[in-house]
Protein backbone atom coordinates (compact mmCIF):
# COMPACT_ATOMS: atom_id res chain seq x y z
CA MET A 1 107.23 101.77 97.13
CA THR A 2 107.74 105.36 98.06
CA ASP A 3 108.61 108.42 96.04
CA ALA A 4 111.75 109.18 98.08
CA TYR A 5 115.08 109.52 96.32
CA GLY A 6 118.42 108.39 97.64
CA GLU A 7 121.50 109.73 95.91
CA GLN A 8 124.54 107.50 95.71
CA SER A 9 127.92 108.05 94.17
CA ALA A 10 128.65 106.65 90.73
CA GLU A 11 130.37 103.64 92.31
CA THR A 12 126.90 102.07 92.55
CA ALA A 13 127.40 100.96 88.94
CA ARG A 14 129.30 97.97 90.32
CA LEU A 15 126.09 97.05 92.18
CA GLY A 16 124.09 97.29 88.97
CA VAL A 17 122.19 100.33 90.29
CA ARG A 18 121.04 103.01 87.84
CA THR A 19 118.97 106.15 88.31
CA GLY A 20 115.32 105.19 88.66
CA ASP A 21 116.00 101.72 90.10
CA THR A 22 114.37 100.69 93.35
CA VAL A 23 116.99 100.09 96.02
CA ARG A 24 116.90 98.85 99.59
CA ILE A 25 119.01 100.85 102.02
CA THR A 26 119.81 98.74 105.08
CA SER A 27 121.45 99.75 108.36
CA ALA A 28 121.99 97.72 111.53
CA VAL A 29 118.59 99.00 112.71
CA ASP A 30 116.16 98.96 109.75
CA SER A 31 115.72 98.98 105.96
CA LEU A 32 114.04 101.46 103.61
CA ASP A 33 113.12 101.13 99.94
CA CYS A 34 113.50 104.16 97.70
CA THR A 35 114.28 105.23 94.14
CA ALA A 36 117.97 105.64 93.31
CA GLU A 37 119.47 108.74 91.79
CA VAL A 38 123.07 108.01 90.78
CA SER A 39 125.37 111.01 90.66
CA ASN A 40 129.05 111.95 90.70
CA ASP A 41 128.33 114.61 93.34
CA PRO A 42 128.66 112.55 96.56
CA GLN A 43 132.09 111.42 97.67
CA MET A 44 132.87 107.75 96.92
CA GLY A 45 131.33 105.52 99.58
CA VAL A 46 128.69 108.10 100.53
CA ALA A 47 124.92 107.73 100.14
CA ILE A 48 122.59 110.68 100.66
CA LEU A 49 118.96 110.28 101.62
CA ALA A 50 116.87 113.44 101.77
CA HIS A 51 115.65 114.43 105.22
CA GLY A 52 112.04 113.68 105.95
CA TRP A 53 109.69 111.60 108.02
CA GLY A 54 107.53 110.26 105.21
CA SER A 55 103.77 110.50 105.30
CA SER A 56 100.66 108.62 104.34
CA VAL A 57 97.41 109.98 103.01
CA PHE A 58 94.31 107.90 103.47
CA ASP A 59 90.55 108.14 103.22
CA PRO A 60 89.14 106.91 106.54
CA HIS A 61 85.69 106.39 105.01
CA GLY A 62 86.46 105.01 101.53
CA GLY A 63 88.62 102.08 102.59
CA ALA A 64 91.19 102.60 99.83
CA PRO A 65 94.82 101.73 100.70
CA ALA A 66 96.92 104.58 102.04
CA ASP A 67 99.05 106.55 99.56
CA PHE A 68 102.60 106.75 100.94
CA HIS A 69 105.02 109.62 100.21
CA GLY A 70 108.65 109.55 101.22
CA VAL A 71 110.43 107.53 103.89
CA ASN A 72 111.53 108.22 107.45
CA ARG A 73 115.30 108.14 107.14
CA ASN A 74 115.59 108.40 110.93
CA ALA A 75 114.44 104.76 111.04
CA LEU A 76 117.96 103.82 109.87
CA VAL A 77 119.56 105.28 113.02
CA SER A 78 119.58 103.73 116.49
CA ASP A 79 117.87 105.78 119.18
CA THR A 80 119.99 104.12 121.90
CA ASN A 81 123.35 105.53 120.80
CA VAL A 82 122.95 109.14 121.94
CA ASP A 83 125.20 112.15 122.33
CA ALA A 84 126.16 112.53 126.01
CA LEU A 85 125.73 116.31 126.03
CA SER A 86 122.49 116.77 124.08
CA GLY A 87 120.89 113.35 124.66
CA THR A 88 119.89 113.10 121.00
CA PRO A 89 120.71 110.31 118.52
CA ALA A 90 123.24 110.90 115.73
CA PHE A 91 120.59 111.22 113.02
CA GLY A 92 122.96 112.45 110.31
CA ILE A 93 125.23 109.43 109.97
CA ALA A 94 124.64 105.69 109.64
CA ALA A 95 126.59 102.87 108.00
CA VAL A 96 124.36 101.33 105.33
CA ARG A 97 124.31 98.74 102.58
CA ILE A 98 122.59 99.40 99.26
CA ALA A 99 121.04 96.66 97.15
CA ARG A 100 119.14 96.94 93.88
CA LEU A 101 115.68 95.37 94.04
CA GLU A 102 114.30 93.55 91.04
CA PRO A 103 111.18 95.14 89.53
CA GLU A 104 107.94 93.40 90.48
CA GLY A 105 107.17 90.62 88.04
CA ALA A 106 110.79 90.37 86.83
CA THR A 107 112.12 86.87 86.32
CA ASP A 108 115.66 85.60 86.45
CA ALA A 109 116.86 84.88 82.89
CA SER A 110 119.61 82.46 84.01
């Protein structure tokens, strides 16, 4: 789990997503897990994921697992669909699905 926040419009209530929930954001290319922040600020149907590449901090001598911070939102965008003039991918826009992930150790009560 990362400490990245994705902001989705309040329509995520129909998905059972609340602020603080872990969600998986999935595009045609990849998926990222982050913490949801539900707000009325984005337009309906819009999800916002803060720009960043993510990072990991590790101790090469101690052997402890790496500590991850943030996610690379560019992983959600194809690098093969590029702008003809600039030759760069359209990093700002991607169609995604959002799904709430159950907390670790949670069991289905049904």
